[in-house]
Protein backbone atom coordinates (compact mmCIF):
# COMPACT_ATOMS: atom_id res chain seq x y z
CA UNK A 1 -30.30 57.03 -41.02
CA UNK A 2 -29.81 54.39 -38.54
CA UNK A 3 -29.32 57.01 -35.91
CA UNK A 4 -32.82 58.65 -36.50
CA UNK A 5 -34.32 55.36 -36.00
CA UNK A 6 -32.28 54.52 -32.77
CA UNK A 7 -33.38 57.97 -31.31
CA UNK A 8 -37.02 57.13 -32.52
CA UNK A 9 -36.88 53.83 -30.55
CA UNK A 10 -35.53 55.59 -27.48
CA UNK A 11 -38.18 58.02 -27.56
CA UNK A 12 -40.98 55.47 -28.07
CA UNK A 13 -39.41 53.23 -25.59
CA UNK A 14 -39.56 55.90 -22.88
CA UNK A 15 -43.20 56.65 -23.87
CA UNK A 16 -43.93 53.07 -23.44
CA UNK A 17 -42.72 52.86 -19.99
CA UNK A 18 -44.84 56.09 -18.86
CA UNK A 19 -48.11 54.93 -20.86
CA UNK A 20 -47.74 51.49 -19.59
CA UNK A 21 -47.39 52.42 -15.81
CA UNK A 22 -50.51 54.59 -16.22
CA UNK A 23 -52.47 52.06 -18.12
CA UNK A 24 -51.55 49.10 -16.06
CA UNK A 25 -53.29 50.51 -12.95
CA UNK A 26 -55.83 47.98 -11.81
CA UNK A 27 -55.29 45.79 -14.88
CA UNK A 28 -53.57 42.23 -14.75
CA UNK A 29 -50.03 42.50 -16.16
CA UNK A 30 -50.37 39.57 -18.35
CA UNK A 31 -53.76 40.75 -19.56
CA UNK A 32 -51.89 44.04 -20.13
CA UNK A 33 -49.04 42.64 -21.91
CA UNK A 34 -51.45 40.59 -24.22
CA UNK A 35 -53.29 43.96 -25.11
CA UNK A 36 -49.88 45.71 -26.02
CA UNK A 37 -48.89 42.84 -27.88
CA UNK A 38 -51.95 42.70 -30.17
CA UNK A 39 -51.39 46.34 -30.76
CA UNK A 40 -47.93 45.65 -31.76
CA UNK A 41 -48.92 42.69 -34.04
CA UNK A 42 -51.48 44.77 -35.69
CA UNK A 43 -49.06 47.59 -36.34
CA UNK A 44 -46.32 45.43 -37.64
CA UNK A 45 -48.56 43.55 -40.11
CA UNK A 46 -49.94 46.81 -41.04
CA UNK A 47 -46.50 48.24 -42.13
CA UNK A 48 -45.78 44.75 -43.67
CA UNK A 49 -48.99 45.08 -45.92
CA UNK A 50 -48.32 48.94 -46.46
CA UNK A 51 -44.91 48.38 -47.71
CA UNK A 52 -45.85 45.38 -49.76
CA UNK A 53 -43.24 43.31 -47.93
CA UNK A 54 -45.72 40.06 -47.50
CA UNK A 55 -44.26 38.46 -50.63
CA UNK A 56 -40.85 37.94 -48.73
CA UNK A 57 -42.32 35.38 -46.41
CA UNK A 58 -41.51 32.69 -49.05
CA UNK A 59 -37.80 33.69 -49.02
CA UNK A 60 -37.29 33.20 -45.46
CA UNK A 61 -34.94 30.24 -44.47
CA UNK A 62 -35.51 27.67 -41.90
CA UNK A 63 -32.65 29.08 -39.94
CA UNK A 64 -34.18 32.56 -39.90
CA UNK A 65 -37.55 31.25 -39.05
CA UNK A 66 -35.91 29.35 -36.07
CA UNK A 67 -34.10 32.51 -34.78
CA UNK A 68 -37.01 34.73 -35.40
CA UNK A 69 -39.27 32.48 -33.37
CA UNK A 70 -36.79 32.33 -30.58
CA UNK A 71 -36.39 36.12 -30.60
CA UNK A 72 -40.15 36.36 -30.37
CA UNK A 73 -40.10 34.24 -27.60
CA UNK A 74 -37.57 36.00 -25.70
CA UNK A 75 -39.47 39.42 -26.44
CA UNK A 76 -42.67 37.88 -25.18
CA UNK A 77 -40.96 36.74 -21.78
CA UNK A 78 -39.18 40.13 -21.66
CA UNK A 79 -42.46 41.88 -22.01
CA UNK A 80 -44.09 39.67 -19.41
CA UNK A 81 -41.51 40.37 -16.97
CA UNK A 82 -41.42 44.15 -17.64
CA UNK A 83 -45.15 44.65 -17.25
CA UNK A 84 -45.22 42.87 -13.91
CA UNK A 85 -42.26 44.61 -12.61
CA UNK A 86 -43.90 47.97 -13.78
CA UNK A 87 -47.00 46.80 -11.90
CA UNK A 88 -45.37 46.36 -8.69
CA UNK A 89 -42.40 48.87 -8.86
CA UNK A 90 -41.45 52.22 -9.63
CA UNK A 91 -40.88 53.14 -13.26
CA UNK A 92 -37.72 54.96 -12.07
CA UNK A 93 -36.29 51.72 -10.75
CA UNK A 94 -37.70 49.27 -13.30
CA UNK A 95 -36.56 51.12 -16.47
CA UNK A 96 -32.83 51.38 -15.32
CA UNK A 97 -32.65 47.74 -14.52
CA UNK A 98 -34.43 46.75 -17.71
CA UNK A 99 -31.95 48.87 -19.76
CA UNK A 100 -29.14 46.71 -18.23
CA UNK A 101 -30.00 44.60 -21.32
CA UNK A 102 -27.60 47.10 -23.08
CA UNK A 103 -24.73 45.49 -21.00
CA UNK A 104 -26.10 41.92 -21.37
CA UNK A 105 -26.53 42.50 -25.20
CA UNK A 106 -22.92 43.68 -25.69
CA UNK A 107 -21.54 40.84 -23.53
CA UNK A 108 -23.67 38.31 -25.68
CA UNK A 109 -22.54 39.95 -28.95
CA UNK A 110 -18.87 39.67 -28.24
CA UNK A 111 -19.51 35.93 -26.96
CA UNK A 112 -21.78 34.65 -29.76
CA UNK A 113 -21.40 36.95 -32.70
CA UNK A 114 -17.78 37.56 -32.07
CA UNK A 115 -18.25 41.53 -32.13
CA UNK A 116 -15.41 43.28 -30.99
CA UNK A 117 -15.07 44.49 -27.39
CA UNK A 118 -13.24 47.40 -27.32
CA UNK A 119 -11.85 49.61 -24.28
CA UNK A 120 -14.56 52.16 -25.05
CA UNK A 121 -17.45 49.21 -24.86
CA UNK A 122 -16.20 48.02 -21.74
CA UNK A 123 -16.07 51.43 -19.97
CA UNK A 124 -19.46 52.10 -21.43
CA UNK A 125 -20.79 48.81 -19.84
CA UNK A 126 -19.11 49.71 -16.43
CA UNK A 127 -20.65 53.19 -16.60
CA UNK A 128 -24.12 51.79 -17.43
CA UNK A 129 -23.89 49.16 -14.54
CA UNK A 130 -22.68 51.84 -12.16
CA UNK A 131 -25.31 54.09 -13.04
CA UNK A 132 -27.94 51.51 -12.77
CA UNK A 133 -26.64 50.92 -9.25
CA UNK A 134 -26.89 54.46 -8.29
CA UNK A 135 -30.31 54.93 -9.77
CA UNK A 136 -32.02 52.02 -7.87
CA UNK A 137 -30.23 52.08 -4.73
């Protein structure tokens, strides 16, 4: 089931880039990010209430709150940077650089989460890095 959601994530992420580039024309990038964020907030809370998950708020630990808030800050900063980059750059160059987050995530997962860095992971990271350079140069 995770694969289906991962593919959905990739499809919607691709649509996000194209729709954002079209929609951001003539709009301040920070205002565009705020509008997008509002839509995401409404959609996310709608899903919480639709699935009756709101009762779980009481069960969230202080540690989880801290890391979810930090994750939200990182997401917000990522989106602000992404929208500014989309506004002034080509989608075909911005998106590959943005997807370098895959490489950074694998490295951070190895360092902080002690996840295994296999030969396959290293080769994949090198290929993603090389592919990004080919696409943006």
